[in-house]
Amino acid sequence: MTIPFFSGDARRSLLMQRGELQYSVGVSLRDYANESTLIAKNLQSALDEVFHARS
């Protein structure tokens, strides 16, 4: 297998695209973590209410 040779501009744009991709993935992961934390908190309070209502 040969390693493809990129010119300086191509390598720079490739790195920029990879950086944008990693940034957007990081942002969406952070948003997902925030949302799942909120959902878990709401679920926990709902479960608490259900258990209090039963007892």
PDB file of N, CA and C in Angstrom:
ATOM      1  N   MET A   1       0.832  -1.203   0.000  1.00  0.00           N
ATOM      2  CA  MET A   1       0.000   0.000   0.000  1.00  0.00           C
ATOM      3  C   MET A   1       0.863   1.248   0.000  1.00  0.00           C
ATOM      4  N   THR A   2       0.497   2.213  -0.815  1.00  0.00           N
ATOM      5  CA  THR A   2       1.249   3.455  -0.859  1.00  0.00           C
ATOM      6  C   THR A   2       0.505   4.521  -0.085  1.00  0.00           C
ATOM      7  N   ILE A   3       1.270   5.349   0.600  1.00  0.00           N
ATOM      8  CA  ILE A   3       0.667   6.463   1.325  1.00  0.00           C
ATOM      9  C   ILE A   3       0.447   7.602   0.345  1.00  0.00           C
ATOM     10  N   PRO A   4      -0.784   8.055   0.185  1.00  0.00           N
ATOM     11  CA  PRO A   4      -1.031   9.149  -0.773  1.00  0.00           C
ATOM     12  C   PRO A   4      -0.342  10.427  -0.318  1.00  0.00           C
ATOM     13  N   PHE A   5       0.240  11.118  -1.295  1.00  0.00           N
ATOM     14  CA  PHE A   5       0.948  12.357  -0.981  1.00  0.00           C
ATOM     15  C   PHE A   5       0.031  13.540  -1.233  1.00  0.00           C
ATOM     16  N   PHE A   6      -0.158  14.358  -0.216  1.00  0.00           N
ATOM     17  CA  PHE A   6      -0.991  15.541  -0.354  1.00  0.00           C
ATOM     18  C   PHE A   6      -0.125  16.771  -0.462  1.00  0.00           C
ATOM     19  N   SER A   7      -0.573  17.725  -1.239  1.00  0.00           N
ATOM     20  CA  SER A   7       0.099  19.020  -1.258  1.00  0.00           C
ATOM     21  C   SER A   7      -0.234  19.758   0.026  1.00  0.00           C
ATOM     22  N   GLY A   8       0.452  20.847   0.275  1.00  0.00           N
ATOM     23  CA  GLY A   8       0.236  21.593   1.507  1.00  0.00           C
ATOM     24  C   GLY A   8      -1.197  22.056   1.660  1.00  0.00           C
ATOM     25  N   ASP A   9      -1.786  22.592   0.589  1.00  0.00           N
ATOM     26  CA  ASP A   9      -3.155  23.102   0.657  1.00  0.00           C
ATOM     27  C   ASP A   9      -4.146  21.978   0.930  1.00  0.00           C
ATOM     28  N   ALA A  10      -3.965  20.854   0.230  1.00  0.00           N
ATOM     29  CA  ALA A  10      -4.891  19.741   0.406  1.00  0.00           C
ATOM     30  C   ALA A  10      -4.812  19.214   1.839  1.00  0.00           C
ATOM     31  N   ARG A  11      -3.580  19.101   2.358  1.00  0.00           N
ATOM     32  CA  ARG A  11      -3.411  18.599   3.722  1.00  0.00           C
ATOM     33  C   ARG A  11      -4.047  19.565   4.721  1.00  0.00           C
ATOM     34  N   ARG A  12      -3.872  20.879   4.456  1.00  0.00           N
ATOM     35  CA  ARG A  12      -4.424  21.871   5.376  1.00  0.00           C
ATOM     36  C   ARG A  12      -5.948  21.804   5.383  1.00  0.00           C
ATOM     37  N   SER A  13      -6.566  21.704   4.188  1.00  0.00           N
ATOM     38  CA  SER A  13      -8.031  21.642   4.128  1.00  0.00           C
ATOM     39  C   SER A  13      -8.528  20.345   4.759  1.00  0.00           C
ATOM     40  N   LEU A  14      -7.777  19.253   4.578  1.00  0.00           N
ATOM     41  CA  LEU A  14      -8.157  17.985   5.179  1.00  0.00           C
ATOM     42  C   LEU A  14      -8.143  18.099   6.701  1.00  0.00           C
ATOM     43  N   LEU A  15      -7.091  18.715   7.228  1.00  0.00           N
ATOM     44  CA  LEU A  15      -7.007  18.897   8.681  1.00  0.00           C
ATOM     45  C   LEU A  15      -8.134  19.787   9.178  1.00  0.00           C
ATOM     46  N   MET A  16      -8.460  20.833   8.423  1.00  0.00           N
ATOM     47  CA  MET A  16      -9.546  21.723   8.834  1.00  0.00           C
ATOM     48  C   MET A  16     -10.873  20.978   8.851  1.00  0.00           C
ATOM     49  N   GLN A  17     -11.109  20.154   7.819  1.00  0.00           N
ATOM     50  CA  GLN A  17     -12.358  19.383   7.779  1.00  0.00           C
ATOM     51  C   GLN A  17     -12.426  18.421   8.955  1.00  0.00           C
ATOM     52  N   ARG A  18     -11.294  17.786   9.263  1.00  0.00           N
ATOM     53  CA  ARG A  18     -11.288  16.850  10.380  1.00  0.00           C
ATOM     54  C   ARG A  18     -11.525  17.585  11.689  1.00  0.00           C
ATOM     55  N   GLY A  19     -10.935  18.771  11.821  1.00  0.00           N
ATOM     56  CA  GLY A  19     -11.142  19.568  13.020  1.00  0.00           C
ATOM     57  C   GLY A  19     -12.599  19.983  13.178  1.00  0.00           C
ATOM     58  N   GLU A  20     -13.218  20.407  12.070  1.00  0.00           N
ATOM     59  CA  GLU A  20     -14.645  20.768  12.127  1.00  0.00           C
ATOM     60  C   GLU A  20     -15.483  19.566  12.514  1.00  0.00           C
ATOM     61  N   LEU A  21     -15.158  18.417  11.939  1.00  0.00           N
ATOM     62  CA  LEU A  21     -15.923  17.208  12.228  1.00  0.00           C
ATOM     63  C   LEU A  21     -15.814  16.860  13.710  1.00  0.00           C
ATOM     64  N   GLN A  22     -14.585  16.878  14.241  1.00  0.00           N
ATOM     65  CA  GLN A  22     -14.398  16.574  15.653  1.00  0.00           C
ATOM     66  C   GLN A  22     -15.119  17.591  16.524  1.00  0.00           C
ATOM     67  N   TYR A  23     -15.106  18.859  16.116  1.00  0.00           N
ATOM     68  CA  TYR A  23     -15.775  19.900  16.889  1.00  0.00           C
ATOM     69  C   TYR A  23     -17.279  19.668  16.909  1.00  0.00           C
ATOM     70  N   SER A  24     -17.870  19.394  15.731  1.00  0.00           N
ATOM     71  CA  SER A  24     -19.319  19.201  15.678  1.00  0.00           C
ATOM     72  C   SER A  24     -19.728  17.942  16.436  1.00  0.00           C
ATOM     73  N   VAL A  25     -18.914  16.880  16.335  1.00  0.00           N
ATOM     74  CA  VAL A  25     -19.209  15.663  17.087  1.00  0.00           C
ATOM     75  C   VAL A  25     -19.140  15.945  18.580  1.00  0.00           C
ATOM     76  N   GLY A  26     -18.134  16.711  19.009  1.00  0.00           N
ATOM     77  CA  GLY A  26     -18.017  17.054  20.421  1.00  0.00           C
ATOM     78  C   GLY A  26     -19.197  17.865  20.910  1.00  0.00           C
ATOM     79  N   VAL A  27     -19.646  18.823  20.090  1.00  0.00           N
ATOM     80  CA  VAL A  27     -20.788  19.660  20.485  1.00  0.00           C
ATOM     81  C   VAL A  27     -22.047  18.811  20.606  1.00  0.00           C
ATOM     82  N   SER A  28     -22.283  17.939  19.618  1.00  0.00           N
ATOM     83  CA  SER A  28     -23.499  17.129  19.663  1.00  0.00           C
ATOM     84  C   SER A  28     -23.433  16.133  20.816  1.00  0.00           C
ATOM     85  N   LEU A  29     -22.245  15.596  21.096  1.00  0.00           N
ATOM     86  CA  LEU A  29     -22.112  14.694  22.245  1.00  0.00           C
ATOM     87  C   LEU A  29     -22.412  15.430  23.535  1.00  0.00           C
ATOM     88  N   ARG A  30     -21.923  16.685  23.646  1.00  0.00           N
ATOM     89  CA  ARG A  30     -22.166  17.455  24.864  1.00  0.00           C
ATOM     90  C   ARG A  30     -23.659  17.760  25.013  1.00  0.00           C
ATOM     91  N   ASP A  31     -24.313  18.140  23.887  1.00  0.00           N
ATOM     92  CA  ASP A  31     -25.755  18.394  23.937  1.00  0.00           C
ATOM     93  C   ASP A  31     -26.506  17.133  24.341  1.00  0.00           C
ATOM     94  N   TYR A  32     -26.103  15.983  23.773  1.00  0.00           N
ATOM     95  CA  TYR A  32     -26.761  14.725  24.095  1.00  0.00           C
ATOM     96  C   TYR A  32     -26.586  14.393  25.573  1.00  0.00           C
ATOM     97  N   ALA A  33     -25.396  14.646  26.111  1.00  0.00           N
ATOM     98  CA  ALA A  33     -25.151  14.372  27.522  1.00  0.00           C
ATOM     99  C   ALA A  33     -26.022  15.265  28.392  1.00  0.00           C
ATOM    100  N   ASN A  34     -26.131  16.553  28.019  1.00  0.00           N
ATOM    101  CA  ASN A  34     -26.989  17.465  28.782  1.00  0.00           C
ATOM    102  C   ASN A  34     -28.438  17.008  28.748  1.00  0.00           C
ATOM    103  N   GLU A  35     -28.917  16.629  27.565  1.00  0.00           N
ATOM    104  CA  GLU A  35     -30.309  16.199  27.431  1.00  0.00           C
ATOM    105  C   GLU A  35     -30.558  14.930  28.222  1.00  0.00           C
ATOM    106  N   SER A  36     -29.649  13.959  28.145  1.00  0.00           N
ATOM    107  CA  SER A  36     -29.866  12.706  28.860  1.00  0.00           C
ATOM    108  C   SER A  36     -29.805  12.934  30.364  1.00  0.00           C
ATOM    109  N   THR A  37     -28.989  13.898  30.812  1.00  0.00           N
ATOM    110  CA  THR A  37     -28.955  14.224  32.241  1.00  0.00           C
ATOM    111  C   THR A  37     -30.291  14.808  32.670  1.00  0.00           C
ATOM    112  N   LEU A  38     -30.846  15.716  31.859  1.00  0.00           N
ATOM    113  CA  LEU A  38     -32.157  16.284  32.168  1.00  0.00           C
ATOM    114  C   LEU A  38     -33.229  15.203  32.194  1.00  0.00           C
ATOM    115  N   ILE A  39     -33.199  14.320  31.191  1.00  0.00           N
ATOM    116  CA  ILE A  39     -34.190  13.241  31.131  1.00  0.00           C
ATOM    117  C   ILE A  39     -34.060  12.346  32.356  1.00  0.00           C
ATOM    118  N   ALA A  40     -32.824  12.047  32.751  1.00  0.00           N
ATOM    119  CA  ALA A  40     -32.613  11.184  33.921  1.00  0.00           C
ATOM    120  C   ALA A  40     -33.151  11.856  35.176  1.00  0.00           C
ATOM    121  N   LYS A  41     -32.940  13.158  35.318  1.00  0.00           N
ATOM    122  CA  LYS A  41     -33.459  13.871  36.488  1.00  0.00           C
ATOM    123  C   LYS A  41     -34.982  13.854  36.507  1.00  0.00           C
ATOM    124  N   ASN A  42     -35.593  14.136  35.352  1.00  0.00           N
ATOM    125  CA  ASN A  42     -37.057  14.113  35.279  1.00  0.00           C
ATOM    126  C   ASN A  42     -37.591  12.716  35.587  1.00  0.00           C
ATOM    127  N   LEU A  43     -36.923  11.703  35.036  1.00  0.00           N
ATOM    128  CA  LEU A  43     -37.339  10.325  35.260  1.00  0.00           C
ATOM    129  C   LEU A  43     -37.225   9.978  36.745  1.00  0.00           C
ATOM    130  N   GLN A  44     -36.137  10.427  37.370  1.00  0.00           N
ATOM    131  CA  GLN A  44     -35.933  10.139  38.785  1.00  0.00           C
ATOM    132  C   GLN A  44     -37.031  10.764  39.634  1.00  0.00           C
ATOM    133  N   SER A  45     -37.372  12.023  39.358  1.00  0.00           N
ATOM    134  CA  SER A  45     -38.429  12.680  40.141  1.00  0.00           C
ATOM    135  C   SER A  45     -39.767  12.015  39.874  1.00  0.00           C
ATOM    136  N   ALA A  46     -40.026  11.596  38.648  1.00  0.00           N
ATOM    137  CA  ALA A  46     -41.283  10.913  38.330  1.00  0.00           C
ATOM    138  C   ALA A  46     -41.361   9.581  39.070  1.00  0.00           C
ATOM    139  N   LEU A  47     -40.254   8.849  39.091  1.00  0.00           N
ATOM    140  CA  LEU A  47     -40.227   7.577  39.811  1.00  0.00           C
ATOM    141  C   LEU A  47     -40.434   7.799  41.301  1.00  0.00           C
ATOM    142  N   ASP A  48     -39.820   8.852  41.832  1.00  0.00           N
ATOM    143  CA  ASP A  48     -39.999   9.159  43.251  1.00  0.00           C
ATOM    144  C   ASP A  48     -41.470   9.415  43.558  1.00  0.00           C
ATOM    145  N   GLU A  49     -42.140  10.179  42.701  1.00  0.00           N
ATOM    146  CA  GLU A  49     -43.560  10.465  42.917  1.00  0.00           C
ATOM    147  C   GLU A  49     -44.380   9.181  42.880  1.00  0.00           C
ATOM    148  N   VAL A  50     -44.050   8.301  41.934  1.00  0.00           N
ATOM    149  CA  VAL A  50     -44.792   7.038  41.817  1.00  0.00           C
ATOM    150  C   VAL A  50     -44.607   6.214  43.086  1.00  0.00           C
ATOM    151  N   PHE A  51     -43.376   6.117  43.568  1.00  0.00           N
ATOM    152  CA  PHE A  51     -43.112   5.316  44.762  1.00  0.00           C
ATOM    153  C   PHE A  51     -43.771   5.931  45.987  1.00  0.00           C
ATOM    154  N   HIS A  52     -43.762   7.265  46.085  1.00  0.00           N
ATOM    155  CA  HIS A  52     -44.414   7.930  47.227  1.00  0.00           C
ATOM    156  C   HIS A  52     -45.918   7.717  47.176  1.00  0.00           C
ATOM    157  N   ALA A  53     -46.476   7.733  45.961  1.00  0.00           N
ATOM    158  CA  ALA A  53     -47.911   7.556  45.825  1.00  0.00           C
ATOM    159  C   ALA A  53     -48.311   6.135  46.225  1.00  0.00           C
ATOM    160  N   ARG A  54     -47.464   5.159  45.926  1.00  0.00           N
ATOM    161  CA  ARG A  54     -47.792   3.763  46.228  1.00  0.00           C
ATOM    162  C   ARG A  54     -47.732   3.501  47.726  1.00  0.00           C
ATOM    163  N   SER A  55     -46.718   4.039  48.379  1.00  0.00           N
ATOM    164  CA  SER A  55     -46.531   3.708  49.792  1.00  0.00           C
ATOM    165  C   SER A  55     -47.501   4.461  50.692  1.00  0.00           C
TER     166      SER A  55
END
